[in-house]
């Protein structure tokens, strides 16, 4: 037990380091603007005020930004998780011409920064008439190479061919096998991918910045950025918006945490 004390101490310090920015933002969101950078810094607001949130709701289209980001991120996550699981299953358990080449091209795309394909992707969407923000904001996250690779590796290591062959002998269709056998066994990996994918889409800034020109269709990062670069530098409103922006990500993590534990315990019982 004594040998673990230094490890626990390091973990506590790391936890505090990660929580410090969130605590500072939470504290600053309840302070008047002049007290946010006051000296000496105080974690507990004095005076405590809700004026920042009231002005954010009344003077800015915050809920429109919030809805845009949340709906786009949830849609992109749902589509991406299904597509990545299906593609990973195909790469892991099927043989077809050009499989190694296609997988190599897909895997190599991990080394290409998104900024490199940003302009060509934008031009293609606009030229094909698919530049609507509600659609185009989802496109880059539909089939990420990382998600496909993650699913392929998990399926190879966790789902034996004998289980799939037994289902085929019983007369199950390929999609039926994927839906009733593969997906339930993938729940731990699907939960992890869903959290990662939601954060990628929800926090995206560069792609919406290039794509969206109408302020009424801004995502939350774009909307908060307009407050930050304004002449008055509205740090108080930015901090209030940042605190509220954390809520969907935390809620999704709590929901998927239960699913992860259920999937892991189910797999342990079956094993």
Protein backbone atom coordinates (compact mmCIF):
# COMPACT_ATOMS: atom_id res chain seq x y z
CA UNK A 1 0.00 0.00 0.00
CA UNK A 2 2.82 2.41 0.86
CA UNK A 3 4.35 1.93 -2.58
CA UNK A 4 1.14 3.26 -4.13
CA UNK A 5 1.07 6.49 -2.14
CA UNK A 6 3.40 8.37 -4.55
CA UNK A 7 1.34 7.10 -7.50
CA UNK A 8 -1.90 8.31 -5.92
CA UNK A 9 -0.25 11.64 -5.15
CA UNK A 10 0.79 12.10 -8.77
CA UNK A 11 -2.71 11.16 -9.97
CA UNK A 12 -4.29 13.68 -7.60
CA UNK A 13 -1.95 16.43 -8.83
CA UNK A 14 -2.69 15.58 -12.45
CA UNK A 15 -6.43 15.61 -11.73
CA UNK A 16 -6.16 19.04 -10.15
CA UNK A 17 -4.15 20.29 -13.12
CA UNK A 18 -6.86 19.13 -15.52
CA UNK A 19 -9.70 20.47 -13.35
CA UNK A 20 -8.10 23.86 -12.66
CA UNK A 21 -9.13 25.51 -16.00
CA UNK A 22 -12.70 24.26 -15.65
CA UNK A 23 -12.91 25.47 -12.03
CA UNK A 24 -11.50 28.85 -13.06
CA UNK A 25 -14.04 29.14 -15.88
CA UNK A 26 -16.88 28.10 -13.56
CA UNK A 27 -15.78 30.64 -10.96
CA UNK A 28 -15.30 33.43 -13.52
CA UNK A 29 -18.73 32.85 -15.02
CA UNK A 30 -20.29 34.02 -11.75
CA UNK A 31 -18.06 37.10 -11.35
CA UNK A 32 -18.44 40.63 -12.73
CA UNK A 33 -16.12 41.22 -15.67
CA UNK A 34 -13.78 43.42 -13.65
CA UNK A 35 -13.22 40.72 -11.03
CA UNK A 36 -12.30 37.86 -13.40
CA UNK A 37 -8.63 38.86 -13.56
CA UNK A 38 -8.60 40.49 -10.15
CA UNK A 39 -5.65 40.18 -7.78
CA UNK A 40 -5.33 38.25 -5.62
CA UNK A 41 -7.31 35.64 -7.58
CA UNK A 42 -10.30 34.20 -5.73
CA UNK A 43 -11.91 30.88 -6.58
CA UNK A 44 -15.13 31.71 -4.75
CA UNK A 45 -16.92 34.65 -6.46
CA UNK A 46 -17.45 37.69 -4.26
CA UNK A 47 -19.87 39.14 -5.17
CA UNK A 48 -21.73 36.21 -6.72
CA UNK A 49 -23.78 37.16 -9.77
CA UNK A 50 -25.89 35.48 -12.48
CA UNK A 51 -25.72 38.55 -14.70
CA UNK A 52 -23.29 36.90 -17.13
CA UNK A 53 -25.74 34.09 -17.91
CA UNK A 54 -28.69 36.47 -18.14
CA UNK A 55 -26.89 38.71 -20.64
CA UNK A 56 -25.68 35.67 -22.61
CA UNK A 57 -29.25 34.39 -23.00
CA UNK A 58 -30.89 37.74 -23.65
CA UNK A 59 -28.27 39.48 -25.78
CA UNK A 60 -26.80 36.59 -27.79
CA UNK A 61 -28.34 33.70 -29.82
CA UNK A 62 -26.65 31.24 -27.47
CA UNK A 63 -29.32 28.55 -27.61
CA UNK A 64 -29.25 28.61 -31.41
CA UNK A 65 -25.48 28.02 -31.35
CA UNK A 66 -25.92 25.36 -28.70
CA UNK A 67 -28.62 23.52 -30.68
CA UNK A 68 -26.62 23.68 -33.90
CA UNK A 69 -23.50 22.17 -32.31
CA UNK A 70 -25.34 19.52 -30.32
CA UNK A 71 -27.57 18.28 -33.13
CA UNK A 72 -24.71 18.19 -35.64
CA UNK A 73 -22.39 16.41 -33.20
CA UNK A 74 -24.99 13.81 -32.15
CA UNK A 75 -25.94 13.10 -35.77
CA UNK A 76 -22.31 12.83 -36.86
CA UNK A 77 -21.55 10.54 -33.92
CA UNK A 78 -24.46 8.19 -34.60
CA UNK A 79 -23.68 7.92 -38.31
CA UNK A 80 -19.93 7.63 -37.75
CA UNK A 81 -20.17 4.88 -35.13
CA UNK A 82 -22.37 2.76 -37.42
CA UNK A 83 -20.25 3.35 -40.54
CA UNK A 84 -16.96 2.71 -38.73
CA UNK A 85 -18.28 -0.49 -37.17
CA UNK A 86 -19.56 -1.72 -40.54
CA UNK A 87 -16.32 -0.83 -42.36
CA UNK A 88 -14.18 -2.29 -39.58
CA UNK A 89 -16.18 -5.51 -39.72
CA UNK A 90 -15.67 -5.71 -43.46
CA UNK A 91 -11.90 -5.22 -43.20
CA UNK A 92 -11.61 -7.66 -40.30
CA UNK A 93 -13.74 -10.60 -41.44
CA UNK A 94 -14.12 -10.48 -45.23
CA UNK A 95 -11.78 -11.20 -48.12
CA UNK A 96 -12.11 -9.15 -51.29
CA UNK A 97 -9.92 -7.91 -54.11
CA UNK A 98 -7.80 -4.92 -53.19
CA UNK A 99 -8.46 -5.27 -49.46
CA UNK A 100 -4.85 -4.68 -48.37
CA UNK A 101 -4.41 -1.76 -50.76
CA UNK A 102 -7.67 -0.12 -49.67
CA UNK A 103 -6.87 -0.63 -46.00
CA UNK A 104 -3.37 0.79 -46.54
CA UNK A 105 -4.74 3.89 -48.26
CA UNK A 106 -7.28 4.36 -45.48
CA UNK A 107 -4.69 3.90 -42.75
CA UNK A 108 -2.23 6.23 -44.49
CA UNK A 109 -4.83 9.00 -44.50
CA UNK A 110 -4.29 9.27 -40.74
CA UNK A 111 -1.07 11.12 -41.50
CA UNK A 112 -2.84 13.80 -43.59
CA UNK A 113 -3.84 16.90 -41.58
CA UNK A 114 -7.44 17.96 -42.02
CA UNK A 115 -6.28 21.43 -43.12
CA UNK A 116 -4.80 19.84 -46.26
CA UNK A 117 -8.16 18.51 -47.49
CA UNK A 118 -10.27 21.35 -46.12
CA UNK A 119 -10.36 23.49 -49.29
CA UNK A 120 -10.85 20.58 -51.77
CA UNK A 121 -13.64 19.19 -49.58
CA UNK A 122 -15.31 22.60 -49.43
CA UNK A 123 -15.10 23.02 -53.21
CA UNK A 124 -16.56 19.55 -53.85
CA UNK A 125 -19.49 20.14 -51.50
CA UNK A 126 -20.28 23.55 -52.99
CA UNK A 127 -19.99 22.35 -56.61
CA UNK A 128 -22.29 19.38 -55.94
CA UNK A 129 -24.88 21.53 -54.20
CA UNK A 130 -24.31 19.86 -50.82
CA UNK A 131 -22.96 22.92 -49.04
CA UNK A 132 -25.86 23.26 -46.60
CA UNK A 133 -24.36 23.59 -43.10
CA UNK A 134 -26.71 21.01 -41.60
CA UNK A 135 -25.31 18.45 -44.05
CA UNK A 136 -21.79 19.65 -44.75
CA UNK A 137 -20.84 20.02 -41.09
CA UNK A 138 -21.41 16.26 -40.67
CA UNK A 139 -19.54 15.05 -43.76
CA UNK A 140 -15.93 15.13 -42.45
CA UNK A 141 -16.88 12.97 -39.45
CA UNK A 142 -18.89 10.25 -41.20
CA UNK A 143 -16.07 7.74 -41.80
CA UNK A 144 -12.89 8.76 -39.95
CA UNK A 145 -9.91 6.51 -40.63
CA UNK A 146 -9.13 6.32 -36.90
CA UNK A 147 -12.59 4.96 -36.14
CA UNK A 148 -12.44 2.34 -38.89
CA UNK A 149 -8.98 1.21 -37.79
CA UNK A 150 -10.09 1.05 -34.16
CA UNK A 151 -13.12 -1.09 -35.00
CA UNK A 152 -11.10 -3.37 -37.28
CA UNK A 153 -8.51 -4.02 -34.58
CA UNK A 154 -11.12 -4.64 -31.90
CA UNK A 155 -13.10 -7.07 -34.07
CA UNK A 156 -9.97 -9.02 -35.03
CA UNK A 157 -8.97 -9.44 -31.39
CA UNK A 158 -12.37 -9.93 -29.76
CA UNK A 159 -14.74 -11.69 -32.17
CA UNK A 160 -13.68 -15.24 -33.22
CA UNK A 161 -14.53 -16.52 -36.68
CA UNK A 162 -16.18 -19.60 -35.14
CA UNK A 163 -19.01 -17.48 -33.72
CA UNK A 164 -19.74 -15.95 -37.12
CA UNK A 165 -19.55 -19.32 -38.89
CA UNK A 166 -22.01 -20.82 -36.41
CA UNK A 167 -24.44 -18.02 -37.15
CA UNK A 168 -24.06 -18.53 -40.89
CA UNK A 169 -24.76 -22.25 -40.48
CA UNK A 170 -27.94 -21.35 -38.60
CA UNK A 171 -29.04 -19.34 -41.65
CA UNK A 172 -28.40 -15.81 -40.42
CA UNK A 173 -27.79 -13.15 -43.07
CA UNK A 174 -24.56 -11.16 -43.07
CA UNK A 175 -26.27 -7.98 -41.96
CA UNK A 176 -28.20 -9.97 -39.38
CA UNK A 177 -24.91 -11.30 -37.99
CA UNK A 178 -23.52 -7.79 -37.87
CA UNK A 179 -26.61 -6.42 -36.13
CA UNK A 180 -27.28 -9.18 -33.61
CA UNK A 181 -23.79 -10.54 -32.87
CA UNK A 182 -21.08 -8.08 -33.85
CA UNK A 183 -22.62 -4.82 -32.61
CA UNK A 184 -23.46 -6.12 -29.09
CA UNK A 185 -19.91 -7.43 -28.68
CA UNK A 186 -18.55 -4.09 -29.85
CA UNK A 187 -20.29 -2.03 -27.18
CA UNK A 188 -17.14 -1.13 -25.20
CA UNK A 189 -15.32 0.00 -28.35
CA UNK A 190 -18.42 1.72 -29.71
CA UNK A 191 -18.80 3.70 -26.50
CA UNK A 192 -15.19 4.86 -26.60
CA UNK A 193 -15.47 5.79 -30.27
CA UNK A 194 -18.73 7.65 -29.69
CA UNK A 195 -17.19 9.83 -26.98
CA UNK A 196 -14.13 10.57 -29.13
CA UNK A 197 -16.22 11.28 -32.23
CA UNK A 198 -18.67 13.54 -30.39
CA UNK A 199 -15.84 15.65 -28.98
CA UNK A 200 -14.20 15.92 -32.40
CA UNK A 201 -17.37 17.19 -34.07
CA UNK A 202 -18.66 19.25 -31.14
CA UNK A 203 -15.35 21.10 -30.66
CA UNK A 204 -14.65 21.57 -34.36
CA UNK A 205 -13.75 25.17 -35.20
CA UNK A 206 -11.80 25.33 -38.46
CA UNK A 207 -14.32 23.50 -40.68
CA UNK A 208 -17.37 25.52 -39.51
CA UNK A 209 -15.30 28.70 -39.81
CA UNK A 210 -14.71 27.99 -43.52
CA UNK A 211 -18.16 26.59 -44.25
CA UNK A 212 -20.63 28.79 -42.36
CA UNK A 213 -21.09 32.40 -43.44
CA UNK A 214 -24.53 33.05 -41.92
CA UNK A 215 -24.25 34.05 -38.26
CA UNK A 216 -27.64 32.44 -37.58
CA UNK A 217 -26.07 29.05 -38.36
CA UNK A 218 -22.94 29.42 -36.23
CA UNK A 219 -21.88 26.50 -34.09
CA UNK A 220 -21.05 27.05 -30.44
CA UNK A 221 -17.25 27.44 -30.92
CA UNK A 222 -17.86 30.02 -33.66
CA UNK A 223 -20.42 31.88 -31.59
CA UNK A 224 -18.20 32.09 -28.51
CA UNK A 225 -15.31 33.19 -30.70
CA UNK A 226 -17.34 36.20 -31.89
CA UNK A 227 -17.70 37.27 -28.26
CA UNK A 228 -13.99 36.87 -27.64
CA UNK A 229 -12.83 38.89 -30.67
CA UNK A 230 -15.35 41.69 -30.18
CA UNK A 231 -14.08 45.14 -29.27
CA UNK A 232 -15.09 44.71 -25.64
CA UNK A 233 -13.54 41.25 -25.19
CA UNK A 234 -16.52 39.82 -23.35
CA UNK A 235 -14.65 37.32 -21.19
CA UNK A 236 -17.56 37.08 -18.77
CA UNK A 237 -19.96 35.88 -21.47
CA UNK A 238 -17.34 33.57 -22.99
CA UNK A 239 -16.76 31.88 -19.62
CA UNK A 240 -20.50 31.46 -19.04
CA UNK A 241 -20.91 29.97 -22.51
CA UNK A 242 -17.89 27.70 -22.04
CA UNK A 243 -19.33 26.30 -18.80
CA UNK A 244 -22.64 25.51 -20.49
CA UNK A 245 -20.83 24.05 -23.50
CA UNK A 246 -19.33 21.34 -21.28
CA UNK A 247 -22.75 19.97 -20.33
CA UNK A 248 -23.49 17.83 -23.46
CA UNK A 249 -20.04 16.21 -23.42
CA UNK A 250 -20.29 15.35 -19.72
CA UNK A 251 -23.84 14.05 -20.15
CA UNK A 252 -22.83 11.84 -23.07
CA UNK A 253 -19.89 10.46 -21.09
CA UNK A 254 -22.15 9.60 -18.14
CA UNK A 255 -24.66 7.83 -20.41
CA UNK A 256 -22.03 5.87 -22.33
CA UNK A 257 -20.16 5.01 -19.16
CA UNK A 258 -23.10 2.84 -18.12
CA UNK A 259 -23.16 1.18 -21.53
CA UNK A 260 -19.42 0.53 -21.38
CA UNK A 261 -19.70 -1.18 -17.99
CA UNK A 262 -22.66 -3.24 -19.21
CA UNK A 263 -20.82 -4.33 -22.34
CA UNK A 264 -17.66 -5.26 -20.45
CA UNK A 265 -19.54 -7.26 -17.81
CA UNK A 266 -21.58 -9.04 -20.50
CA UNK A 267 -18.41 -9.98 -22.35
CA UNK A 268 -16.83 -11.28 -19.15
CA UNK A 269 -19.86 -13.48 -18.37
CA UNK A 270 -19.95 -14.90 -21.89
CA UNK A 271 -16.21 -15.55 -21.83
